[in-house]
């Protein structure tokens, strides 16, 4: 392999790794968001875990975090405003990324 091919391969490997880490961090974030929302909805134990897991699974089929926001927002209705939900999403994403380091 040439130096250029080596660098290209390294870039591809790094890109794939970064994409996987982002996916895992987002899934962890959505799980934490789901547990937080479930608590507000009065769900505990297995019901809270099931709600959070459903949010993680649903996100795998969605195109953006805005759709995750919409799902949580609809479920919480008047129990949490947009700023609160989006702040929690950012907080949980930061926390998820820190846990992965």
PDB file of N, CA and C in Angstrom:
ATOM      1  N   UNK A   1       0.841  -1.188   0.000  1.00  0.00           N
ATOM      2  CA  UNK A   1       0.000   0.000   0.000  1.00  0.00           C
ATOM      3  C   UNK A   1       0.886   1.251   0.000  1.00  0.00           C
ATOM      4  N   UNK A   2       0.348   2.254  -0.634  1.00  0.00           N
ATOM      5  CA  UNK A   2       1.069   3.517  -0.630  1.00  0.00           C
ATOM      6  C   UNK A   2       0.694   4.309   0.612  1.00  0.00           C
ATOM      7  N   UNK A   3       1.436   5.321   0.869  1.00  0.00           N
ATOM      8  CA  UNK A   3       1.151   6.189   2.008  1.00  0.00           C
ATOM      9  C   UNK A   3      -0.254   6.776   1.887  1.00  0.00           C
ATOM     10  N   UNK A   4      -0.626   7.182   0.676  1.00  0.00           N
ATOM     11  CA  UNK A   4      -1.959   7.744   0.454  1.00  0.00           C
ATOM     12  C   UNK A   4      -3.041   6.721   0.771  1.00  0.00           C
ATOM     13  N   UNK A   5      -2.857   5.481   0.326  1.00  0.00           N
ATOM     14  CA  UNK A   5      -3.835   4.422   0.592  1.00  0.00           C
ATOM     15  C   UNK A   5      -3.919   4.121   2.082  1.00  0.00           C
ATOM     16  N   UNK A   6      -2.787   4.124   2.769  1.00  0.00           N
ATOM     17  CA  UNK A   6      -2.774   3.919   4.220  1.00  0.00           C
ATOM     18  C   UNK A   6      -3.557   5.014   4.932  1.00  0.00           C
ATOM     19  N   UNK A   7      -3.329   6.253   4.529  1.00  0.00           N
ATOM     20  CA  UNK A   7      -4.031   7.379   5.158  1.00  0.00           C
ATOM     21  C   UNK A   7      -5.527   7.323   4.863  1.00  0.00           C
ATOM     22  N   UNK A   8      -5.871   6.937   3.636  1.00  0.00           N
ATOM     23  CA  UNK A   8      -7.278   6.821   3.265  1.00  0.00           C
ATOM     24  C   UNK A   8      -7.967   5.744   4.104  1.00  0.00           C
ATOM     25  N   UNK A   9      -7.312   4.612   4.256  1.00  0.00           N
ATOM     26  CA  UNK A   9      -7.866   3.507   5.058  1.00  0.00           C
ATOM     27  C   UNK A   9      -8.015   3.939   6.521  1.00  0.00           C
ATOM     28  N   UNK A  10      -7.030   4.628   7.058  1.00  0.00           N
ATOM     29  CA  UNK A  10      -7.100   5.104   8.444  1.00  0.00           C
ATOM     30  C   UNK A  10      -8.263   6.077   8.611  1.00  0.00           C
ATOM     31  N   UNK A  11      -8.469   6.945   7.637  1.00  0.00           N
ATOM     32  CA  UNK A  11      -9.576   7.893   7.699  1.00  0.00           C
ATOM     33  C   UNK A  11     -10.909   7.159   7.688  1.00  0.00           C
ATOM     34  N   UNK A  12     -11.028   6.147   6.844  1.00  0.00           N
ATOM     35  CA  UNK A  12     -12.268   5.365   6.772  1.00  0.00           C
ATOM     36  C   UNK A  12     -12.548   4.660   8.096  1.00  0.00           C
ATOM     37  N   UNK A  13     -11.510   4.084   8.698  1.00  0.00           N
ATOM     38  CA  UNK A  13     -11.665   3.395   9.978  1.00  0.00           C
ATOM     39  C   UNK A  13     -12.085   4.383  11.061  1.00  0.00           C
ATOM     40  N   UNK A  14     -11.457   5.558  11.090  1.00  0.00           N
ATOM     41  CA  UNK A  14     -11.812   6.579  12.076  1.00  0.00           C
ATOM     42  C   UNK A  14     -13.243   7.060  11.870  1.00  0.00           C
ATOM     43  N   UNK A  15     -13.639   7.267  10.619  1.00  0.00           N
ATOM     44  CA  UNK A  15     -14.996   7.711  10.319  1.00  0.00           C
ATOM     45  C   UNK A  15     -16.015   6.692  10.819  1.00  0.00           C
ATOM     46  N   UNK A  16     -15.769   5.406  10.536  1.00  0.00           N
ATOM     47  CA  UNK A  16     -16.675   4.348  10.978  1.00  0.00           C
ATOM     48  C   UNK A  16     -16.742   4.285  12.501  1.00  0.00           C
ATOM     49  N   UNK A  17     -15.601   4.418  13.154  1.00  0.00           N
ATOM     50  CA  UNK A  17     -15.560   4.399  14.622  1.00  0.00           C
ATOM     51  C   UNK A  17     -16.339   5.583  15.195  1.00  0.00           C
ATOM     52  N   UNK A  18     -16.108   6.775  14.650  1.00  0.00           N
ATOM     53  CA  UNK A  18     -16.811   7.967  15.132  1.00  0.00           C
ATOM     54  C   UNK A  18     -18.318   7.843  14.945  1.00  0.00           C
ATOM     55  N   UNK A  19     -18.735   7.293  13.805  1.00  0.00           N
ATOM     56  CA  UNK A  19     -20.163   7.110  13.539  1.00  0.00           C
ATOM     57  C   UNK A  19     -20.778   6.123  14.537  1.00  0.00           C
ATOM     58  N   UNK A  20     -20.057   5.050  14.809  1.00  0.00           N
ATOM     59  CA  UNK A  20     -20.549   4.061  15.776  1.00  0.00           C
ATOM     60  C   UNK A  20     -20.645   4.669  17.177  1.00  0.00           C
ATOM     61  N   UNK A  21     -19.645   5.426  17.567  1.00  0.00           N
ATOM     62  CA  UNK A  21     -19.656   6.053  18.891  1.00  0.00           C
ATOM     63  C   UNK A  21     -20.804   7.061  19.006  1.00  0.00           C
ATOM     64  N   UNK A  22     -21.057   7.818  17.936  1.00  0.00           N
ATOM     65  CA  UNK A  22     -22.172   8.770  17.956  1.00  0.00           C
ATOM     66  C   UNK A  22     -23.495   8.033  18.093  1.00  0.00           C
ATOM     67  N   UNK A  23     -23.656   6.940  17.357  1.00  0.00           N
ATOM     68  CA  UNK A  23     -24.879   6.136  17.436  1.00  0.00           C
ATOM     69  C   UNK A  23     -25.089   5.611  18.854  1.00  0.00           C
ATOM     70  N   UNK A  24     -24.032   5.070  19.448  1.00  0.00           N
ATOM     71  CA  UNK A  24     -24.138   4.519  20.799  1.00  0.00           C
ATOM     72  C   UNK A  24     -24.426   5.618  21.826  1.00  0.00           C
ATOM     73  N   UNK A  25     -23.783   6.771  21.677  1.00  0.00           N
ATOM     74  CA  UNK A  25     -24.033   7.884  22.593  1.00  0.00           C
ATOM     75  C   UNK A  25     -25.470   8.370  22.463  1.00  0.00           C
ATOM     76  N   UNK A  26     -25.973   8.437  21.244  1.00  0.00           N
ATOM     77  CA  UNK A  26     -27.354   8.884  21.030  1.00  0.00           C
ATOM     78  C   UNK A  26     -28.337   7.888  21.637  1.00  0.00           C
ATOM     79  N   UNK A  27     -28.064   6.603  21.479  1.00  0.00           N
ATOM     80  CA  UNK A  27     -28.937   5.581  22.071  1.00  0.00           C
ATOM     81  C   UNK A  27     -28.937   5.690  23.595  1.00  0.00           C
ATOM     82  N   UNK A  28     -27.754   5.886  24.177  1.00  0.00           N
ATOM     83  CA  UNK A  28     -27.646   6.033  25.631  1.00  0.00           C
ATOM     84  C   UNK A  28     -28.381   7.295  26.093  1.00  0.00           C
ATOM     85  N   UNK A  29     -28.228   8.361  25.332  1.00  0.00           N
ATOM     86  CA  UNK A  29     -28.923   9.621  25.629  1.00  0.00           C
ATOM     87  C   UNK A  29     -30.438   9.414  25.605  1.00  0.00           C
ATOM     88  N   UNK A  30     -30.924   8.737  24.577  1.00  0.00           N
ATOM     89  CA  UNK A  30     -32.365   8.509  24.465  1.00  0.00           C
ATOM     90  C   UNK A  30     -32.885   7.626  25.592  1.00  0.00           C
ATOM     91  N   UNK A  31     -32.069   6.694  26.034  1.00  0.00           N
ATOM     92  CA  UNK A  31     -32.458   5.845  27.169  1.00  0.00           C
ATOM     93  C   UNK A  31     -32.613   6.704  28.430  1.00  0.00           C
ATOM     94  N   UNK A  32     -31.635   7.595  28.675  1.00  0.00           N
ATOM     95  CA  UNK A  32     -31.716   8.472  29.847  1.00  0.00           C
ATOM     96  C   UNK A  32     -32.907   9.419  29.736  1.00  0.00           C
ATOM     97  N   UNK A  33     -33.148   9.937  28.527  1.00  0.00           N
ATOM     98  CA  UNK A  33     -34.297  10.823  28.310  1.00  0.00           C
ATOM     99  C   UNK A  33     -35.594  10.061  28.573  1.00  0.00           C
ATOM    100  N   UNK A  34     -35.636   8.820  28.115  1.00  0.00           N
ATOM    101  CA  UNK A  34     -36.826   7.996  28.338  1.00  0.00           C
ATOM    102  C   UNK A  34     -37.090   7.727  29.806  1.00  0.00           C
ATOM    103  N   UNK A  35     -36.042   7.453  30.562  1.00  0.00           N
ATOM    104  CA  UNK A  35     -36.194   7.225  32.011  1.00  0.00           C
ATOM    105  C   UNK A  35     -36.681   8.508  32.683  1.00  0.00           C
ATOM    106  N   UNK A  36     -36.109   9.647  32.287  1.00  0.00           N
ATOM    107  CA  UNK A  36     -36.520  10.945  32.846  1.00  0.00           C
ATOM    108  C   UNK A  36     -37.993  11.210  32.534  1.00  0.00           C
ATOM    109  N   UNK A  37     -38.395  11.024  31.281  1.00  0.00           N
ATOM    110  CA  UNK A  37     -39.784  11.277  30.877  1.00  0.00           C
ATOM    111  C   UNK A  37     -40.729  10.296  31.563  1.00  0.00           C
ATOM    112  N   UNK A  38     -40.309   9.038  31.673  1.00  0.00           N
ATOM    113  CA  UNK A  38     -41.149   8.031  32.326  1.00  0.00           C
ATOM    114  C   UNK A  38     -41.421   8.412  33.775  1.00  0.00           C
ATOM    115  N   UNK A  39     -40.411   8.958  34.439  1.00  0.00           N
ATOM    116  CA  UNK A  39     -40.588   9.388  35.829  1.00  0.00           C
ATOM    117  C   UNK A  39     -41.651  10.490  35.918  1.00  0.00           C
ATOM    118  N   UNK A  40     -41.602  11.433  34.991  1.00  0.00           N
ATOM    119  CA  UNK A  40     -42.594  12.513  34.980  1.00  0.00           C
ATOM    120  C   UNK A  40     -43.988  11.945  34.713  1.00  0.00           C
ATOM    121  N   UNK A  41     -44.049  10.917  33.881  1.00  0.00           N
ATOM    122  CA  UNK A  41     -45.341  10.292  33.555  1.00  0.00           C
ATOM    123  C   UNK A  41     -45.837   9.358  34.658  1.00  0.00           C
ATOM    124  N   UNK A  42     -45.029   9.171  35.693  1.00  0.00           N
ATOM    125  CA  UNK A  42     -45.436   8.316  36.805  1.00  0.00           C
ATOM    126  C   UNK A  42     -45.144   6.843  36.581  1.00  0.00           C
ATOM    127  N   UNK A  43     -44.350   6.530  35.585  1.00  0.00           N
ATOM    128  CA  UNK A  43     -43.993   5.132  35.319  1.00  0.00           C
ATOM    129  C   UNK A  43     -42.787   4.774  36.185  1.00  0.00           C
ATOM    130  N   UNK A  44     -42.814   3.579  36.753  1.00  0.00           N
ATOM    131  CA  UNK A  44     -41.699   3.128  37.580  1.00  0.00           C
ATOM    132  C   UNK A  44     -41.327   1.697  37.198  1.00  0.00           C
ATOM    133  N   UNK A  45     -40.139   1.315  37.587  1.00  0.00           N
ATOM    134  CA  UNK A  45     -39.692  -0.059  37.388  1.00  0.00           C
ATOM    135  C   UNK A  45     -39.696  -0.492  35.937  1.00  0.00           C
ATOM    136  N   UNK A  46     -40.307  -1.641  35.690  1.00  0.00           N
ATOM    137  CA  UNK A  46     -40.327  -2.217  34.352  1.00  0.00           C
ATOM    138  C   UNK A  46     -41.067  -1.325  33.358  1.00  0.00           C
ATOM    139  N   UNK A  47     -42.085  -0.623  33.809  1.00  0.00           N
ATOM    140  CA  UNK A  47     -42.828   0.267  32.911  1.00  0.00           C
ATOM    141  C   UNK A  47     -41.935   1.415  32.438  1.00  0.00           C
ATOM    142  N   UNK A  48     -41.125   1.947  33.334  1.00  0.00           N
ATOM    143  CA  UNK A  48     -40.198   3.020  32.968  1.00  0.00           C
ATOM    144  C   UNK A  48     -39.134   2.498  32.007  1.00  0.00           C
ATOM    145  N   UNK A  49     -38.589   1.321  32.284  1.00  0.00           N
ATOM    146  CA  UNK A  49     -37.589   0.729  31.397  1.00  0.00           C
ATOM    147  C   UNK A  49     -38.176   0.442  30.018  1.00  0.00           C
ATOM    148  N   UNK A  50     -39.405  -0.057  29.991  1.00  0.00           N
ATOM    149  CA  UNK A  50     -40.052  -0.359  28.716  1.00  0.00           C
ATOM    150  C   UNK A  50     -40.272   0.916  27.904  1.00  0.00           C
ATOM    151  N   UNK A  51     -40.677   1.992  28.568  1.00  0.00           N
ATOM    152  CA  UNK A  51     -40.872   3.268  27.877  1.00  0.00           C
ATOM    153  C   UNK A  51     -39.546   3.758  27.301  1.00  0.00           C
ATOM    154  N   UNK A  52     -38.486   3.721  28.088  1.00  0.00           N
ATOM    155  CA  UNK A  52     -37.169   4.177  27.634  1.00  0.00           C
ATOM    156  C   UNK A  52     -36.656   3.304  26.492  1.00  0.00           C
ATOM    157  N   UNK A  53     -36.821   2.001  26.613  1.00  0.00           N
ATOM    158  CA  UNK A  53     -36.378   1.096  25.545  1.00  0.00           C
ATOM    159  C   UNK A  53     -37.158   1.347  24.256  1.00  0.00           C
ATOM    160  N   UNK A  54     -38.449   1.624  24.372  1.00  0.00           N
ATOM    161  CA  UNK A  54     -39.260   1.918  23.186  1.00  0.00           C
ATOM    162  C   UNK A  54     -38.785   3.197  22.512  1.00  0.00           C
ATOM    163  N   UNK A  55     -38.370   4.169  23.305  1.00  0.00           N
ATOM    164  CA  UNK A  55     -37.858   5.421  22.743  1.00  0.00           C
ATOM    165  C   UNK A  55     -36.544   5.175  22.002  1.00  0.00           C
ATOM    166  N   UNK A  56     -35.686   4.340  22.555  1.00  0.00           N
ATOM    167  CA  UNK A  56     -34.416   4.002  21.891  1.00  0.00           C
ATOM    168  C   UNK A  56     -34.692   3.266  20.585  1.00  0.00           C
ATOM    169  N   UNK A  57     -35.578   2.281  20.625  1.00  0.00           N
ATOM    170  CA  UNK A  57     -35.901   1.516  19.415  1.00  0.00           C
ATOM    171  C   UNK A  57     -36.543   2.401  18.353  1.00  0.00           C
ATOM    172  N   UNK A  58     -37.431   3.272  18.778  1.00  0.00           N
ATOM    173  CA  UNK A  58     -38.110   4.151  17.824  1.00  0.00           C
ATOM    174  C   UNK A  58     -37.117   5.082  17.149  1.00  0.00           C
ATOM    175  N   UNK A  59     -36.096   5.522  17.883  1.00  0.00           N
ATOM    176  CA  UNK A  59     -35.113   6.438  17.317  1.00  0.00           C
ATOM    177  C   UNK A  59     -34.308   5.781  16.208  1.00  0.00           C
ATOM    178  N   UNK A  60     -34.158   4.485  16.253  1.00  0.00           N
ATOM    179  CA  UNK A  60     -33.412   3.780  15.202  1.00  0.00           C
ATOM    180  C   UNK A  60     -34.110   3.909  13.849  1.00  0.00           C
ATOM    181  N   UNK A  61     -35.402   4.181  13.865  1.00  0.00           N
ATOM    182  CA  UNK A  61     -36.176   4.285  12.633  1.00  0.00           C
ATOM    183  C   UNK A  61     -36.474   5.729  12.264  1.00  0.00           C
ATOM    184  N   UNK A  62     -35.985   6.645  13.051  1.00  0.00           N
ATOM    185  CA  UNK A  62     -36.266   8.060  12.800  1.00  0.00           C
ATOM    186  C   UNK A  62     -35.051   8.726  12.191  1.00  0.00           C
ATOM    187  N   UNK A  63     -35.293   9.869  11.570  1.00  0.00           N
ATOM    188  CA  UNK A  63     -34.217  10.535  10.841  1.00  0.00           C
ATOM    189  C   UNK A  63     -33.513  11.621  11.642  1.00  0.00           C
ATOM    190  N   UNK A  64     -34.092  12.045  12.766  1.00  0.00           N
ATOM    191  CA  UNK A  64     -33.454  13.136  13.503  1.00  0.00           C
ATOM    192  C   UNK A  64     -33.882  13.135  14.963  1.00  0.00           C
ATOM    193  N   UNK A  65     -33.108  13.873  15.758  1.00  0.00           N
ATOM    194  CA  UNK A  65     -33.450  13.991  17.169  1.00  0.00           C
ATOM    195  C   UNK A  65     -34.721  14.817  17.359  1.00  0.00           C
ATOM    196  N   UNK A  66     -35.108  15.598  16.351  1.00  0.00           N
ATOM    197  CA  UNK A  66     -36.355  16.358  16.453  1.00  0.00           C
ATOM    198  C   UNK A  66     -37.552  15.425  16.580  1.00  0.00           C
ATOM    199  N   UNK A  67     -37.480  14.281  15.947  1.00  0.00           N
ATOM    200  CA  UNK A  67     -38.583  13.331  16.059  1.00  0.00           C
ATOM    201  C   UNK A  67     -38.626  12.705  17.448  1.00  0.00           C
ATOM    202  N   UNK A  68     -37.460  12.510  18.055  1.00  0.00           N
ATOM    203  CA  UNK A  68     -37.427  12.023  19.439  1.00  0.00           C
ATOM    204  C   UNK A  68     -38.050  13.086  20.339  1.00  0.00           C
ATOM    205  N   UNK A  69     -37.667  14.338  20.093  1.00  0.00           N
ATOM    206  CA  UNK A  69     -38.255  15.438  20.858  1.00  0.00           C
ATOM    207  C   UNK A  69     -39.778  15.431  20.713  1.00  0.00           C
ATOM    208  N   UNK A  70     -40.285  15.302  19.497  1.00  0.00           N
ATOM    209  CA  UNK A  70     -41.731  15.327  19.262  1.00  0.00           C
ATOM    210  C   UNK A  70     -42.441  14.210  20.019  1.00  0.00           C
ATOM    211  N   UNK A  71     -41.851  13.014  20.014  1.00  0.00           N
ATOM    212  CA  UNK A  71     -42.449  11.878  20.730  1.00  0.00           C
ATOM    213  C   UNK A  71     -42.533  12.174  22.228  1.00  0.00           C
ATOM    214  N   UNK A  72     -41.429  12.637  22.803  1.00  0.00           N
ATOM    215  CA  UNK A  72     -41.413  12.923  24.242  1.00  0.00           C
ATOM    216  C   UNK A  72     -42.341  14.089  24.552  1.00  0.00           C
ATOM    217  N   UNK A  73     -42.324  15.098  23.707  1.00  0.00           N
ATOM    218  CA  UNK A  73     -43.176  16.268  23.909  1.00  0.00           C
ATOM    219  C   UNK A  73     -44.655  15.887  23.887  1.00  0.00           C
ATOM    220  N   UNK A  74     -45.036  15.050  22.940  1.00  0.00           N
ATOM    221  CA  UNK A  74     -46.430  14.604  22.862  1.00  0.00           C
ATOM    222  C   UNK A  74     -46.815  13.786  24.086  1.00  0.00           C
ATOM    223  N   UNK A  75     -45.899  12.939  24.540  1.00  0.00           N
ATOM    224  CA  UNK A  75     -46.194  12.111  25.704  1.00  0.00           C
ATOM    225  C   UNK A  75     -46.308  12.946  26.979  1.00  0.00           C
ATOM    226  N   UNK A  76     -45.451  13.951  27.108  1.00  0.00           N
ATOM    227  CA  UNK A  76     -45.448  14.763  28.331  1.00  0.00           C
ATOM    228  C   UNK A  76     -46.504  15.864  28.308  1.00  0.00           C
ATOM    229  N   UNK A  77     -47.007  16.191  27.136  1.00  0.00           N
ATOM    230  CA  UNK A  77     -48.013  17.238  26.955  1.00  0.00           C
ATOM    231  C   UNK A  77     -47.644  18.493  27.723  1.00  0.00           C
ATOM    232  N   UNK A  78     -48.378  18.848  28.744  1.00  0.00           N
ATOM    233  CA  UNK A  78     -48.146  20.090  29.492  1.00  0.00           C
ATOM    234  C   UNK A  78     -47.237  19.898  30.710  1.00  0.00           C
ATOM    235  N   UNK A  79     -46.609  18.751  30.822  1.00  0.00           N
ATOM    236  CA  UNK A  79     -45.787  18.471  32.002  1.00  0.00           C
ATOM    237  C   UNK A  79     -44.349  18.962  31.864  1.00  0.00           C
ATOM    238  N   UNK A  80     -43.916  19.266  30.623  1.00  0.00           N
ATOM    239  CA  UNK A  80     -42.573  19.808  30.393  1.00  0.00           C
ATOM    240  C   UNK A  80     -42.612  20.616  29.101  1.00  0.00           C
ATOM    241  N   UNK A  81     -42.030  21.813  29.151  1.00  0.00           N
ATOM    242  CA  UNK A  81     -42.029  22.662  27.956  1.00  0.00           C
ATOM    243  C   UNK A  81     -40.855  22.318  27.039  1.00  0.00           C
ATOM    244  N   UNK A  82     -40.837  22.934  25.867  1.00  0.00           N
ATOM    245  CA  UNK A  82     -39.804  22.639  24.863  1.00  0.00           C
ATOM    246  C   UNK A  82     -38.401  22.888  25.396  1.00  0.00           C
ATOM    247  N   UNK A  83     -38.191  24.013  26.058  1.00  0.00           N
ATOM    248  CA  UNK A  83     -36.849  24.329  26.571  1.00  0.00           C
ATOM    249  C   UNK A  83     -36.368  23.276  27.557  1.00  0.00           C
ATOM    250  N   UNK A  84     -37.250  22.837  28.424  1.00  0.00           N
ATOM    251  CA  UNK A  84     -36.876  21.827  29.418  1.00  0.00           C
ATOM    252  C   UNK A  84     -36.487  20.513  28.746  1.00  0.00           C
ATOM    253  N   UNK A  85     -37.290  20.086  27.783  1.00  0.00           N
ATOM    254  CA  UNK A  85     -37.010  18.815  27.101  1.00  0.00           C
ATOM    255  C   UNK A  85     -35.701  18.908  26.316  1.00  0.00           C
ATOM    256  N   UNK A  86     -35.532  19.986  25.582  1.00  0.00           N
ATOM    257  CA  UNK A  86     -34.302  20.138  24.778  1.00  0.00           C
ATOM    258  C   UNK A  86     -33.070  20.281  25.673  1.00  0.00           C
ATOM    259  N   UNK A  87     -33.206  20.969  26.808  1.00  0.00           N
ATOM    260  CA  UNK A  87     -32.095  21.058  27.754  1.00  0.00           C
ATOM    261  C   UNK A  87     -31.719  19.667  28.269  1.00  0.00           C
ATOM    262  N   UNK A  88     -32.718  18.863  28.583  1.00  0.00           N
ATOM    263  CA  UNK A  88     -32.462  17.499  29.051  1.00  0.00           C
ATOM    264  C   UNK A  88     -31.793  16.668  27.963  1.00  0.00           C
ATOM    265  N   UNK A  89     -32.230  16.839  26.719  1.00  0.00           N
ATOM    266  CA  UNK A  89     -31.620  16.103  25.614  1.00  0.00           C
ATOM    267  C   UNK A  89     -30.133  16.451  25.487  1.00  0.00           C
ATOM    268  N   UNK A  90     -29.807  17.729  25.576  1.00  0.00           N
ATOM    269  CA  UNK A  90     -28.396  18.146  25.503  1.00  0.00           C
ATOM    270  C   UNK A  90     -27.611  17.633  26.703  1.00  0.00           C
ATOM    271  N   UNK A  91     -28.200  17.743  27.883  1.00  0.00           N
ATOM    272  CA  UNK A  91     -27.535  17.282  29.103  1.00  0.00           C
ATOM    273  C   UNK A  91     -27.251  15.782  29.035  1.00  0.00           C
ATOM    274  N   UNK A  92     -28.240  15.017  28.623  1.00  0.00           N
ATOM    275  CA  UNK A  92     -28.064  13.566  28.567  1.00  0.00           C
ATOM    276  C   UNK A  92     -27.086  13.154  27.476  1.00  0.00           C
ATOM    277  N   UNK A  93     -27.041  13.882  26.356  1.00  0.00           N
ATOM    278  CA  UNK A  93     -26.072  13.557  25.311  1.00  0.00           C
ATOM    279  C   UNK A  93     -24.654  13.813  25.805  1.00  0.00           C
ATOM    280  N   UNK A  94     -24.461  14.951  26.493  1.00  0.00           N
ATOM    281  CA  UNK A  94     -23.126  15.243  27.073  1.00  0.00           C
ATOM    282  C   UNK A  94     -22.742  14.143  28.058  1.00  0.00           C
ATOM    283  N   UNK A  95     -23.685  13.773  28.921  1.00  0.00           N
ATOM    284  CA  UNK A  95     -23.413  12.741  29.927  1.00  0.00           C
ATOM    285  C   UNK A  95     -23.108  11.401  29.266  1.00  0.00           C
ATOM    286  N   UNK A  96     -23.854  11.052  28.227  1.00  0.00           N
ATOM    287  CA  UNK A  96     -23.624   9.787  27.527  1.00  0.00           C
ATOM    288  C   UNK A  96     -22.235   9.755  26.902  1.00  0.00           C
ATOM    289  N   UNK A  97     -21.839  10.865  26.287  1.00  0.00           N
ATOM    290  CA  UNK A  97     -20.510  10.920  25.672  1.00  0.00           C
ATOM    291  C   UNK A  97     -19.407  10.819  26.721  1.00  0.00           C
ATOM    292  N   UNK A  98     -19.607  11.447  27.867  1.00  0.00           N
ATOM    293  CA  UNK A  98     -18.597  11.390  28.942  1.00  0.00           C
ATOM    294  C   UNK A  98     -18.489   9.965  29.487  1.00  0.00           C
ATOM    295  N   UNK A  99     -19.590   9.251  29.567  1.00  0.00           N
ATOM    296  CA  UNK A  99     -19.564   7.876  30.075  1.00  0.00           C
ATOM    297  C   UNK A  99     -18.825   6.938  29.131  1.00  0.00           C
ATOM    298  N   UNK A 100     -18.754   7.317  27.860  1.00  0.00           N
ATOM    299  CA  UNK A 100     -18.135   6.453  26.865  1.00  0.00           C
ATOM    300  C   UNK A 100     -16.617   6.674  26.759  1.00  0.00           C
ATOM    301  N   UNK A 101     -16.106   7.695  27.409  1.00  0.00           N
ATOM    302  CA  UNK A 101     -14.678   7.982  27.340  1.00  0.00           C
ATOM    303  C   UNK A 101     -13.891   7.069  28.242  1.00  0.00           C
TER     304      UNK A 101
END
